[in-house]
Amino acid sequence: QVQLVESGGGLVQAGVSLRLSCAASGRTFSSYAMGWFRQFPGKEREFVAAISRSGGGTAYADSVKGRFTISRDNAKNTVSLQMNTLKPEDTAVYYCAAGRTQSTAVVINTPGGYDYWGQGTQVTVSS
């Protein structure tokens, strides 16, 4: 069992940066590929970014590529999402997710590949 707690959301103006963090419980954090998803009102949860168990592999949605960076610290059981040059269309609830994988190199970009989810943190970007 893994519990995930996101933090760092808030209300910001367009163009600024925000950093989301996700703290994971348990001693097996490095056994999980991690990801960030977001959900707009009335929409399905969509992929934002993912990182492999080792941290050596990453993937991004086209809409955030070049602006967002995912990273992890296996010693601290945390995964972060650095969001730069935020846009109003980035406004959503952001979720952290953990998916158990055998390979240290796999990244997962679909919600079905994840086993555990955080409660979400709201990010609102005003124009």
Foldseek 3Di string as FASTA:
>chain_A
DKAKAKDWADEEAAFAKTKMKIAIDDLPLLQWKKFKWWDDVPDDIFGAKTAFSVRPDMDGDPVQPPFWDWGDDSVRRMIMIIGGRDDQVVWTWMKMFIAGDPDRHDIDGDPVRTDDMYPTDTHGYHD
